[in-house]
Amino acid sequence: MPRTLHEHALFTGAPVLAGVHRLDRDVEPHAHDFLEIAVIGAGRGRHVTSQGERPLRRGQVVVLRPGAWHGFRGCAGLVVANCCLSAQALRAELAALHELPLLRRLLWTDPVASGTHGVAVTSVDPAAAGEAVAEIGLLERDLAADRRRPGRVLGRLVSVLGVLADGRAPEPETPGPAVHPAVAATVARLEAAPERAWRLDDLARAVNLDPAYLGRLFKRHAGVTPLDFLARLRAERAATLLAHSALPAARVGAAVGWDDPTYFARRFRALVGLTPTEYRRRSRSETR
């Protein structure tokens, strides 16, 4: 199974981690309990996810939600610029990013609703890719130079995200419809309280729609059903609690809305690739 990288072992006092790497060898599949953005520059390589292997090309942007896994194979001079965001910070000092529609789609909606276990791959134009790689390099420099200046780090992070949001490839000639207000409202409810015992009937009643129609509408826009979307949110929250709290695994499951420990273990493993116990054990082992 993929090993797990943990923010408490990698982040050192800042909500952001950054680096520009030139890869000439494989990077074994690995999971994260933080959010990762990988901007692809020059070189060759293949991206490995739960969906198989696909060739990489310059300008691709890979976004992995906490709990997702990936790797790289056949790398030859492959430039990968990583910008990683703390899962805890995304619910605290970086929570304002969620209020910006372009960034909400890039960091939250697309990878959660992609149907690819929390991994989304999009593209930006070559100029934007080069600018983003350069900005991530400057962010890496700022983080190394002086961590007592969080404002500069935050400003650089916003620059990186702005370049990626503005540089996204144009929509297809026949784009899908704009997100329906009922879908947006349902996403907001689920994200605000994933631990609630949501039922499709409850969600539909809140937006005055028939449950079957809301289910179809939600899947058309988000790519997954409302309850599948909820399961991914719960798995992300559980991954953070397992890595950063001493709560027993059963209580972690209950805290995110999965009261049955057996069901929690099964759903967590299906979404993250590790059982809750394995996820926690690896976290503590890497810390030691």
C-alpha atoms as a PDB file:
ATOM      1  CA  MET A   1       0.000   0.000   0.000  1.00  0.00           C
ATOM      2  CA  PRO A   2       1.204   3.591  -0.577  1.00  0.00           C
ATOM      3  CA  ARG A   3       3.057   5.143   2.324  1.00  0.00           C
ATOM      4  CA  THR A   4       1.551   8.284   3.818  1.00  0.00           C
ATOM      5  CA  LEU A   5       3.249  11.674   4.103  1.00  0.00           C
ATOM      6  CA  HIS A   6       2.113  13.692   7.113  1.00  0.00           C
ATOM      7  CA  GLU A   7       2.019  17.422   7.571  1.00  0.00           C
ATOM      8  CA  HIS A   8       3.159  17.240  11.187  1.00  0.00           C
ATOM      9  CA  ALA A   9       6.394  15.599   9.983  1.00  0.00           C
ATOM     10  CA  LEU A  10       6.992  17.910   6.998  1.00  0.00           C
ATOM     11  CA  PHE A  11       5.554  21.341   7.786  1.00  0.00           C
ATOM     12  CA  THR A  12       7.689  23.404  10.145  1.00  0.00           C
ATOM     13  CA  GLY A  13       5.637  26.200  11.599  1.00  0.00           C
ATOM     14  CA  ALA A  14       4.070  27.455   8.372  1.00  0.00           C
ATOM     15  CA  PRO A  15       0.755  26.501   6.744  1.00  0.00           C
ATOM     16  CA  VAL A  16       2.507  26.051   3.391  1.00  0.00           C
ATOM     17  CA  LEU A  17       5.269  23.812   2.029  1.00  0.00           C
ATOM     18  CA  ALA A  18       6.867  24.469  -1.376  1.00  0.00           C
ATOM     19  CA  GLY A  19       9.609  23.093  -3.597  1.00  0.00           C
ATOM     20  CA  VAL A  20      10.671  22.776  -7.240  1.00  0.00           C
ATOM     21  CA  HIS A  21      12.110  19.369  -8.164  1.00  0.00           C
ATOM     22  CA  ARG A  22      13.747  17.843 -11.249  1.00  0.00           C
ATOM     23  CA  LEU A  23      12.943  14.134 -11.289  1.00  0.00           C
ATOM     24  CA  ASP A  24      15.094  11.566 -13.068  1.00  0.00           C
ATOM     25  CA  ARG A  25      13.815   8.538 -11.200  1.00  0.00           C
ATOM     26  CA  ASP A  26      10.511   7.117 -10.052  1.00  0.00           C
ATOM     27  CA  VAL A  27       8.605   8.555  -7.110  1.00  0.00           C
ATOM     28  CA  GLU A  28       6.814   5.673  -5.428  1.00  0.00           C
ATOM     29  CA  PRO A  29       3.069   6.007  -4.839  1.00  0.00           C
ATOM     30  CA  HIS A  30       2.338   7.887  -1.627  1.00  0.00           C
ATOM     31  CA  ALA A  31      -0.650   9.433   0.131  1.00  0.00           C
ATOM     32  CA  HIS A  32      -0.928  12.749   1.994  1.00  0.00           C
ATOM     33  CA  ASP A  33      -2.891  14.082   4.930  1.00  0.00           C
ATOM     34  CA  PHE A  34      -2.503  17.596   3.462  1.00  0.00           C
ATOM     35  CA  LEU A  35      -3.483  19.160   0.136  1.00  0.00           C
ATOM     36  CA  GLU A  36      -0.888  19.086  -2.644  1.00  0.00           C
ATOM     37  CA  ILE A  37      -0.722  21.067  -5.884  1.00  0.00           C
ATOM     38  CA  ALA A  38       1.852  19.820  -8.407  1.00  0.00           C
ATOM     39  CA  VAL A  39       2.572  21.965 -11.472  1.00  0.00           C
ATOM     40  CA  ILE A  40       4.255  20.082 -14.309  1.00  0.00           C
ATOM     41  CA  GLY A  41       7.059  21.818 -16.203  1.00  0.00           C
ATOM     42  CA  ALA A  42       9.557  20.468 -18.722  1.00  0.00           C
ATOM     43  CA  GLY A  43      10.606  16.838 -19.088  1.00  0.00           C
ATOM     44  CA  ARG A  44       8.873  13.469 -19.388  1.00  0.00           C
ATOM     45  CA  GLY A  45       7.090  11.151 -17.013  1.00  0.00           C
ATOM     46  CA  ARG A  46       3.899   9.272 -16.223  1.00  0.00           C
ATOM     47  CA  HIS A  47       1.441  10.001 -13.447  1.00  0.00           C
ATOM     48  CA  VAL A  48       0.291   7.032 -11.351  1.00  0.00           C
ATOM     49  CA  THR A  49      -3.069   7.165  -9.545  1.00  0.00           C
ATOM     50  CA  SER A  50      -5.832   4.756  -8.576  1.00  0.00           C
ATOM     51  CA  GLN A  51      -7.054   5.144 -12.171  1.00  0.00           C
ATOM     52  CA  GLY A  52      -3.815   3.815 -13.701  1.00  0.00           C
ATOM     53  CA  GLU A  53      -0.889   5.550 -15.456  1.00  0.00           C
ATOM     54  CA  ARG A  54      -1.104   8.508 -17.807  1.00  0.00           C
ATOM     55  CA  PRO A  55       1.635  10.516 -19.592  1.00  0.00           C
ATOM     56  CA  LEU A  56       2.335  13.956 -18.146  1.00  0.00           C
ATOM     57  CA  ARG A  57       2.722  17.091 -20.218  1.00  0.00           C
ATOM     58  CA  ARG A  58       3.873  20.604 -19.497  1.00  0.00           C
ATOM     59  CA  GLY A  59       1.160  22.789 -18.047  1.00  0.00           C
ATOM     60  CA  GLN A  60      -0.744  20.073 -16.229  1.00  0.00           C
ATOM     61  CA  VAL A  61      -1.756  20.837 -12.666  1.00  0.00           C
ATOM     62  CA  VAL A  62      -2.393  17.945 -10.292  1.00  0.00           C
ATOM     63  CA  VAL A  63      -4.445  18.650  -7.151  1.00  0.00           C
ATOM     64  CA  LEU A  64      -4.665  16.008  -4.424  1.00  0.00           C
ATOM     65  CA  ARG A  65      -7.023  16.338  -1.488  1.00  0.00           C
ATOM     66  CA  PRO A  66      -5.941  14.977   1.909  1.00  0.00           C
ATOM     67  CA  GLY A  67      -6.042  11.186   1.880  1.00  0.00           C
ATOM     68  CA  ALA A  68      -5.450  10.888  -1.872  1.00  0.00           C
ATOM     69  CA  TRP A  69      -2.416   9.113  -3.344  1.00  0.00           C
ATOM     70  CA  HIS A  70      -0.271   9.281  -6.488  1.00  0.00           C
ATOM     71  CA  GLY A  71       3.244   8.655  -7.820  1.00  0.00           C
ATOM     72  CA  PHE A  72       5.501   9.284 -10.824  1.00  0.00           C
ATOM     73  CA  ARG A  73       7.170   6.778 -13.160  1.00  0.00           C
ATOM     74  CA  GLY A  74       9.507   6.927 -16.134  1.00  0.00           C
ATOM     75  CA  CYS A  75      10.773  10.371 -15.156  1.00  0.00           C
ATOM     76  CA  ALA A  76      13.431  12.023 -17.334  1.00  0.00           C
ATOM     77  CA  GLY A  77      14.203  15.620 -16.420  1.00  0.00           C
ATOM     78  CA  LEU A  78      10.616  16.040 -15.207  1.00  0.00           C
ATOM     79  CA  VAL A  79      10.137  19.378 -13.469  1.00  0.00           C
ATOM     80  CA  VAL A  80       7.494  19.231 -10.737  1.00  0.00           C
ATOM     81  CA  ALA A  81       6.746  22.307  -8.641  1.00  0.00           C
ATOM     82  CA  ASN A  82       4.927  21.379  -5.432  1.00  0.00           C
ATOM     83  CA  CYS A  83       2.835  23.720  -3.326  1.00  0.00           C
ATOM     84  CA  CYS A  84       1.323  21.959  -0.312  1.00  0.00           C
ATOM     85  CA  LEU A  85      -1.302  23.382   2.047  1.00  0.00           C
ATOM     86  CA  SER A  86      -1.909  22.218   5.607  1.00  0.00           C
ATOM     87  CA  ALA A  87      -5.309  20.572   6.040  1.00  0.00           C
ATOM     88  CA  GLN A  88      -5.651  22.240   9.434  1.00  0.00           C
ATOM     89  CA  ALA A  89      -4.802  25.636   7.962  1.00  0.00           C
ATOM     90  CA  LEU A  90      -7.430  25.172   5.249  1.00  0.00           C
ATOM     91  CA  ARG A  91      -9.992  25.081   8.052  1.00  0.00           C
ATOM     92  CA  ALA A  92      -8.391  27.987   9.927  1.00  0.00           C
ATOM     93  CA  GLU A  93      -6.119  30.745   8.577  1.00  0.00           C
ATOM     94  CA  LEU A  94      -6.540  29.675   4.941  1.00  0.00           C
ATOM     95  CA  ALA A  95     -10.303  29.102   5.177  1.00  0.00           C
ATOM     96  CA  ALA A  96     -10.970  32.348   3.260  1.00  0.00           C
ATOM     97  CA  LEU A  97      -9.696  30.659   0.087  1.00  0.00           C
ATOM     98  CA  HIS A  98     -12.896  28.630   0.060  1.00  0.00           C
ATOM     99  CA  GLU A  99     -14.932  31.799  -0.387  1.00  0.00           C
ATOM    100  CA  LEU A 100     -13.384  32.515  -3.800  1.00  0.00           C
ATOM    101  CA  PRO A 101     -15.264  30.537  -6.488  1.00  0.00           C
ATOM    102  CA  LEU A 102     -12.228  29.989  -8.744  1.00  0.00           C
ATOM    103  CA  LEU A 103     -10.129  28.664  -5.873  1.00  0.00           C
ATOM    104  CA  ARG A 104     -12.995  26.657  -4.386  1.00  0.00           C
ATOM    105  CA  ARG A 105     -13.287  24.818  -7.683  1.00  0.00           C
ATOM    106  CA  LEU A 106      -9.522  24.299  -8.002  1.00  0.00           C
ATOM    107  CA  LEU A 107      -8.856  23.165  -4.423  1.00  0.00           C
ATOM    108  CA  TRP A 108     -12.137  21.645  -3.263  1.00  0.00           C
ATOM    109  CA  THR A 109     -14.835  20.858  -5.791  1.00  0.00           C
ATOM    110  CA  ASP A 110     -12.857  19.399  -8.708  1.00  0.00           C
ATOM    111  CA  PRO A 111     -10.711  16.905  -6.759  1.00  0.00           C
ATOM    112  CA  VAL A 112     -13.541  15.866  -4.449  1.00  0.00           C
ATOM    113  CA  ALA A 113     -16.065  15.468  -7.262  1.00  0.00           C
ATOM    114  CA  SER A 114     -13.693  14.008  -9.846  1.00  0.00           C
ATOM    115  CA  GLY A 115     -14.539  10.399  -9.037  1.00  0.00           C
ATOM    116  CA  THR A 116     -10.784   9.632  -8.927  1.00  0.00           C
ATOM    117  CA  HIS A 117     -10.241   9.212  -5.174  1.00  0.00           C
ATOM    118  CA  GLY A 118      -9.504  12.868  -4.473  1.00  0.00           C
ATOM    119  CA  VAL A 119      -7.163  13.560  -7.421  1.00  0.00           C
ATOM    120  CA  ALA A 120      -7.944  16.137 -10.123  1.00  0.00           C
ATOM    121  CA  VAL A 121      -5.769  16.914 -13.156  1.00  0.00           C
ATOM    122  CA  THR A 122      -6.340  20.115 -15.092  1.00  0.00           C
ATOM    123  CA  SER A 123      -4.208  22.244 -17.412  1.00  0.00           C
ATOM    124  CA  VAL A 124      -2.947  25.801 -17.663  1.00  0.00           C
ATOM    125  CA  ASP A 125      -1.331  27.440 -20.664  1.00  0.00           C
ATOM    126  CA  PRO A 126       2.489  27.086 -20.965  1.00  0.00           C
ATOM    127  CA  ALA A 127       3.152  30.695 -19.953  1.00  0.00           C
ATOM    128  CA  ALA A 128       1.067  30.311 -16.802  1.00  0.00           C
ATOM    129  CA  ALA A 129       2.807  27.013 -16.010  1.00  0.00           C
ATOM    130  CA  GLY A 130       6.211  28.695 -16.234  1.00  0.00           C
ATOM    131  CA  GLU A 131       5.055  31.594 -14.089  1.00  0.00           C
ATOM    132  CA  ALA A 132       3.552  29.233 -11.502  1.00  0.00           C
ATOM    133  CA  VAL A 133       6.779  27.189 -11.301  1.00  0.00           C
ATOM    134  CA  ALA A 134       8.754  30.411 -10.803  1.00  0.00           C
ATOM    135  CA  GLU A 135       6.358  31.653  -8.101  1.00  0.00           C
ATOM    136  CA  ILE A 136       6.566  28.325  -6.261  1.00  0.00           C
ATOM    137  CA  GLY A 137      10.353  28.625  -6.378  1.00  0.00           C
ATOM    138  CA  LEU A 138      10.102  32.080  -4.803  1.00  0.00           C
ATOM    139  CA  LEU A 139       7.689  30.716  -2.197  1.00  0.00           C
ATOM    140  CA  GLU A 140      10.233  28.003  -1.349  1.00  0.00           C
ATOM    141  CA  ARG A 141      12.888  30.695  -0.965  1.00  0.00           C
ATOM    142  CA  ASP A 142      10.671  32.850   1.266  1.00  0.00           C
ATOM    143  CA  LEU A 143       9.838  29.891   3.499  1.00  0.00           C
ATOM    144  CA  ALA A 144      13.528  29.056   3.907  1.00  0.00           C
ATOM    145  CA  ALA A 145      14.655  32.648   4.445  1.00  0.00           C
ATOM    146  CA  ASP A 146      12.399  33.917   7.216  1.00  0.00           C
ATOM    147  CA  ARG A 147       9.380  32.139   8.664  1.00  0.00           C
ATOM    148  CA  ARG A 148       8.650  35.125  10.879  1.00  0.00           C
ATOM    149  CA  ARG A 149       7.073  36.945   7.936  1.00  0.00           C
ATOM    150  CA  PRO A 150       3.828  35.029   7.378  1.00  0.00           C
ATOM    151  CA  GLY A 151       2.312  37.887   5.416  1.00  0.00           C
ATOM    152  CA  ARG A 152       4.898  37.526   2.667  1.00  0.00           C
ATOM    153  CA  VAL A 153       4.371  33.763   2.525  1.00  0.00           C
ATOM    154  CA  LEU A 154       0.607  34.201   2.335  1.00  0.00           C
ATOM    155  CA  GLY A 155       0.985  36.803  -0.403  1.00  0.00           C
ATOM    156  CA  ARG A 156       3.208  34.487  -2.437  1.00  0.00           C
ATOM    157  CA  LEU A 157       0.729  31.624  -1.992  1.00  0.00           C
ATOM    158  CA  VAL A 158      -2.104  33.805  -3.266  1.00  0.00           C
ATOM    159  CA  SER A 159       0.062  34.714  -6.282  1.00  0.00           C
ATOM    160  CA  VAL A 160       0.616  31.027  -7.077  1.00  0.00           C
ATOM    161  CA  LEU A 161      -3.078  30.230  -6.805  1.00  0.00           C
ATOM    162  CA  GLY A 162      -4.017  33.306  -8.820  1.00  0.00           C
ATOM    163  CA  VAL A 163      -1.700  32.327 -11.671  1.00  0.00           C
ATOM    164  CA  LEU A 164      -3.175  28.820 -11.742  1.00  0.00           C
ATOM    165  CA  ALA A 165      -6.777  30.045 -11.573  1.00  0.00           C
ATOM    166  CA  ASP A 166      -6.261  32.607 -14.338  1.00  0.00           C
ATOM    167  CA  GLY A 167      -4.235  30.272 -16.547  1.00  0.00           C
ATOM    168  CA  ARG A 168      -6.633  27.345 -16.650  1.00  0.00           C
ATOM    169  CA  ALA A 169      -7.311  26.064 -20.144  1.00  0.00           C
ATOM    170  CA  PRO A 170     -10.470  27.441 -21.785  1.00  0.00           C
ATOM    171  CA  GLU A 171     -13.648  25.500 -21.251  1.00  0.00           C
ATOM    172  CA  PRO A 172     -14.714  23.165 -24.071  1.00  0.00           C
ATOM    173  CA  GLU A 173     -16.725  24.688 -26.891  1.00  0.00           C
ATOM    174  CA  THR A 174     -19.838  23.097 -25.392  1.00  0.00           C
ATOM    175  CA  PRO A 175     -19.318  23.635 -21.669  1.00  0.00           C
ATOM    176  CA  GLY A 176     -21.636  22.162 -19.119  1.00  0.00           C
ATOM    177  CA  PRO A 177     -24.245  24.357 -17.477  1.00  0.00           C
ATOM    178  CA  ALA A 178     -23.328  26.689 -14.660  1.00  0.00           C
ATOM    179  CA  VAL A 179     -23.538  25.104 -11.237  1.00  0.00           C
ATOM    180  CA  HIS A 180     -27.162  25.018 -10.160  1.00  0.00           C
ATOM    181  CA  PRO A 181     -27.880  27.035  -6.972  1.00  0.00           C
ATOM    182  CA  ALA A 182     -29.380  23.923  -5.352  1.00  0.00           C
ATOM    183  CA  VAL A 183     -26.135  22.016  -5.938  1.00  0.00           C
ATOM    184  CA  ALA A 184     -24.041  24.864  -4.526  1.00  0.00           C
ATOM    185  CA  ALA A 185     -26.302  25.068  -1.481  1.00  0.00           C
ATOM    186  CA  THR A 186     -26.077  21.298  -0.944  1.00  0.00           C
ATOM    187  CA  VAL A 187     -22.267  21.346  -1.173  1.00  0.00           C
ATOM    188  CA  ALA A 188     -22.162  24.178   1.381  1.00  0.00           C
ATOM    189  CA  ARG A 189     -24.355  22.240   3.825  1.00  0.00           C
ATOM    190  CA  LEU A 190     -22.281  19.085   3.542  1.00  0.00           C
ATOM    191  CA  GLU A 191     -18.976  20.927   3.930  1.00  0.00           C
ATOM    192  CA  ALA A 192     -20.245  22.872   6.950  1.00  0.00           C
ATOM    193  CA  ALA A 193     -21.305  19.770   8.904  1.00  0.00           C
ATOM    194  CA  PRO A 194     -20.089  16.477   7.374  1.00  0.00           C
ATOM    195  CA  GLU A 195     -20.651  14.711  10.707  1.00  0.00           C
ATOM    196  CA  ARG A 196     -24.434  15.111  10.484  1.00  0.00           C
ATOM    197  CA  ALA A 197     -26.531  12.073   9.560  1.00  0.00           C
ATOM    198  CA  TRP A 198     -27.486  13.554   6.201  1.00  0.00           C
ATOM    199  CA  ARG A 199     -30.070  11.816   4.044  1.00  0.00           C
ATOM    200  CA  LEU A 200     -30.881  12.669   0.465  1.00  0.00           C
ATOM    201  CA  ASP A 201     -34.448  13.481   1.532  1.00  0.00           C
ATOM    202  CA  ASP A 202     -33.176  16.062   4.048  1.00  0.00           C
ATOM    203  CA  LEU A 203     -30.895  17.709   1.515  1.00  0.00           C
ATOM    204  CA  ALA A 204     -33.624  17.815  -1.116  1.00  0.00           C
ATOM    205  CA  ARG A 205     -36.149  19.278   1.304  1.00  0.00           C
ATOM    206  CA  ALA A 206     -33.714  22.083   2.182  1.00  0.00           C
ATOM    207  CA  VAL A 207     -33.550  23.185  -1.461  1.00  0.00           C
ATOM    208  CA  ASN A 208     -37.206  22.417  -2.298  1.00  0.00           C
ATOM    209  CA  LEU A 209     -36.461  19.710  -4.857  1.00  0.00           C
ATOM    210  CA  ASP A 210     -37.486  16.110  -5.350  1.00  0.00           C
ATOM    211  CA  PRO A 211     -34.742  13.809  -3.934  1.00  0.00           C
ATOM    212  CA  ALA A 212     -34.302  11.880  -7.180  1.00  0.00           C
ATOM    213  CA  TYR A 213     -34.027  15.115  -9.162  1.00  0.00           C
ATOM    214  CA  LEU A 214     -31.484  16.586  -6.739  1.00  0.00           C
ATOM    215  CA  GLY A 215     -29.447  13.388  -6.997  1.00  0.00           C
ATOM    216  CA  ARG A 216     -29.358  13.589 -10.799  1.00  0.00           C
ATOM    217  CA  LEU A 217     -28.674  17.323 -10.761  1.00  0.00           C
ATOM    218  CA  PHE A 218     -25.848  16.974  -8.246  1.00  0.00           C
ATOM    219  CA  LYS A 219     -24.185  14.151 -10.181  1.00  0.00           C
ATOM    220  CA  ARG A 220     -24.459  16.084 -13.432  1.00  0.00           C
ATOM    221  CA  HIS A 221     -22.581  19.035 -11.930  1.00  0.00           C
ATOM    222  CA  ALA A 222     -20.258  17.357  -9.414  1.00  0.00           C
ATOM    223  CA  GLY A 223     -19.671  13.964 -11.014  1.00  0.00           C
ATOM    224  CA  VAL A 224     -20.695  12.048  -7.877  1.00  0.00           C
ATOM    225  CA  THR A 225     -23.831  11.671  -5.792  1.00  0.00           C
ATOM    226  CA  PRO A 226     -24.371  13.919  -2.758  1.00  0.00           C
ATOM    227  CA  LEU A 227     -23.674  11.038  -0.379  1.00  0.00           C
ATOM    228  CA  ASP A 228     -20.475  10.047  -2.213  1.00  0.00           C
ATOM    229  CA  PHE A 229     -19.363  13.671  -1.954  1.00  0.00           C
ATOM    230  CA  LEU A 230     -20.140  13.536   1.772  1.00  0.00           C
ATOM    231  CA  ALA A 231     -18.105  10.337   2.186  1.00  0.00           C
ATOM    232  CA  ARG A 232     -15.002  12.002   0.721  1.00  0.00           C
ATOM    233  CA  LEU A 233     -15.390  14.964   3.076  1.00  0.00           C
ATOM    234  CA  ARG A 234     -15.713  12.606   6.053  1.00  0.00           C
ATOM    235  CA  ALA A 235     -12.617  10.650   5.018  1.00  0.00           C
ATOM    236  CA  GLU A 236     -10.592  13.878   4.830  1.00  0.00           C
ATOM    237  CA  ARG A 237     -11.744  14.955   8.288  1.00  0.00           C
ATOM    238  CA  ALA A 238     -11.028  11.493   9.696  1.00  0.00           C
ATOM    239  CA  ALA A 239      -7.504  11.461   8.203  1.00  0.00           C
ATOM    240  CA  THR A 240      -6.707  14.708  10.007  1.00  0.00           C
ATOM    241  CA  LEU A 241      -8.074  13.436  13.335  1.00  0.00           C
ATOM    242  CA  LEU A 242      -6.178  10.155  13.055  1.00  0.00           C
ATOM    243  CA  ALA A 243      -2.911  11.968  12.379  1.00  0.00           C
ATOM    244  CA  HIS A 244      -3.293  14.788  14.895  1.00  0.00           C
ATOM    245  CA  SER A 245      -5.381  13.520  17.817  1.00  0.00           C
ATOM    246  CA  ALA A 246      -5.299  10.712  20.356  1.00  0.00           C
ATOM    247  CA  LEU A 247      -8.956   9.810  19.850  1.00  0.00           C
ATOM    248  CA  PRO A 248      -9.525   6.041  19.464  1.00  0.00           C
ATOM    249  CA  ALA A 249     -10.265   5.104  15.873  1.00  0.00           C
ATOM    250  CA  ALA A 250     -13.887   4.276  16.705  1.00  0.00           C
ATOM    251  CA  ARG A 251     -14.391   7.749  18.185  1.00  0.00           C
ATOM    252  CA  VAL A 252     -12.779   9.320  15.135  1.00  0.00           C
ATOM    253  CA  GLY A 253     -15.351   7.542  12.990  1.00  0.00           C
ATOM    254  CA  ALA A 254     -18.167   8.744  15.211  1.00  0.00           C
ATOM    255  CA  ALA A 255     -16.796  12.300  15.149  1.00  0.00           C
ATOM    256  CA  VAL A 256     -17.059  12.455  11.366  1.00  0.00           C
ATOM    257  CA  GLY A 257     -20.475  10.792  11.172  1.00  0.00           C
ATOM    258  CA  TRP A 258     -19.643   7.073  10.868  1.00  0.00           C
ATOM    259  CA  ASP A 259     -20.832   5.619  14.172  1.00  0.00           C
ATOM    260  CA  ASP A 260     -20.311   1.954  13.269  1.00  0.00           C
ATOM    261  CA  PRO A 261     -16.535   1.217  13.640  1.00  0.00           C
ATOM    262  CA  THR A 262     -16.629  -1.607  11.093  1.00  0.00           C
ATOM    263  CA  TYR A 263     -18.388   0.538   8.518  1.00  0.00           C
ATOM    264  CA  PHE A 264     -16.016   3.431   9.234  1.00  0.00           C
ATOM    265  CA  ALA A 265     -12.964   1.212   8.672  1.00  0.00           C
ATOM    266  CA  ARG A 266     -14.390  -0.131   5.416  1.00  0.00           C
ATOM    267  CA  ARG A 267     -15.328   3.283   4.005  1.00  0.00           C
ATOM    268  CA  PHE A 268     -12.060   4.913   5.102  1.00  0.00           C
ATOM    269  CA  ARG A 269      -9.995   2.179   3.464  1.00  0.00           C
ATOM    270  CA  ALA A 270     -11.995   2.409   0.246  1.00  0.00           C
ATOM    271  CA  LEU A 271     -11.430   6.172   0.032  1.00  0.00           C
ATOM    272  CA  VAL A 272      -7.906   6.535   1.447  1.00  0.00           C
ATOM    273  CA  GLY A 273      -6.328   3.174   0.669  1.00  0.00           C
ATOM    274  CA  LEU A 274      -5.394   2.367   4.291  1.00  0.00           C
ATOM    275  CA  THR A 275      -7.398   1.250   7.284  1.00  0.00           C
ATOM    276  CA  PRO A 276      -7.721   3.845  10.077  1.00  0.00           C
ATOM    277  CA  THR A 277      -5.342   1.806  12.262  1.00  0.00           C
ATOM    278  CA  GLU A 278      -2.750   1.535   9.480  1.00  0.00           C
ATOM    279  CA  TYR A 279      -3.039   5.237   8.720  1.00  0.00           C
ATOM    280  CA  ARG A 280      -2.438   6.175  12.367  1.00  0.00           C
ATOM    281  CA  ARG A 281       0.384   3.646  12.822  1.00  0.00           C
ATOM    282  CA  ARG A 282       2.261   5.018   9.826  1.00  0.00           C
ATOM    283  CA  SER A 283       1.758   8.528  11.118  1.00  0.00           C
ATOM    284  CA  ARG A 284       3.296   7.700  14.490  1.00  0.00           C
ATOM    285  CA  SER A 285       6.077   5.627  12.948  1.00  0.00           C
ATOM    286  CA  GLU A 286       7.142   8.467  10.663  1.00  0.00           C
ATOM    287  CA  THR A 287       7.036  10.917  13.553  1.00  0.00           C
ATOM    288  CA  ARG A 288       9.440   8.735  15.546  1.00  0.00           C
END
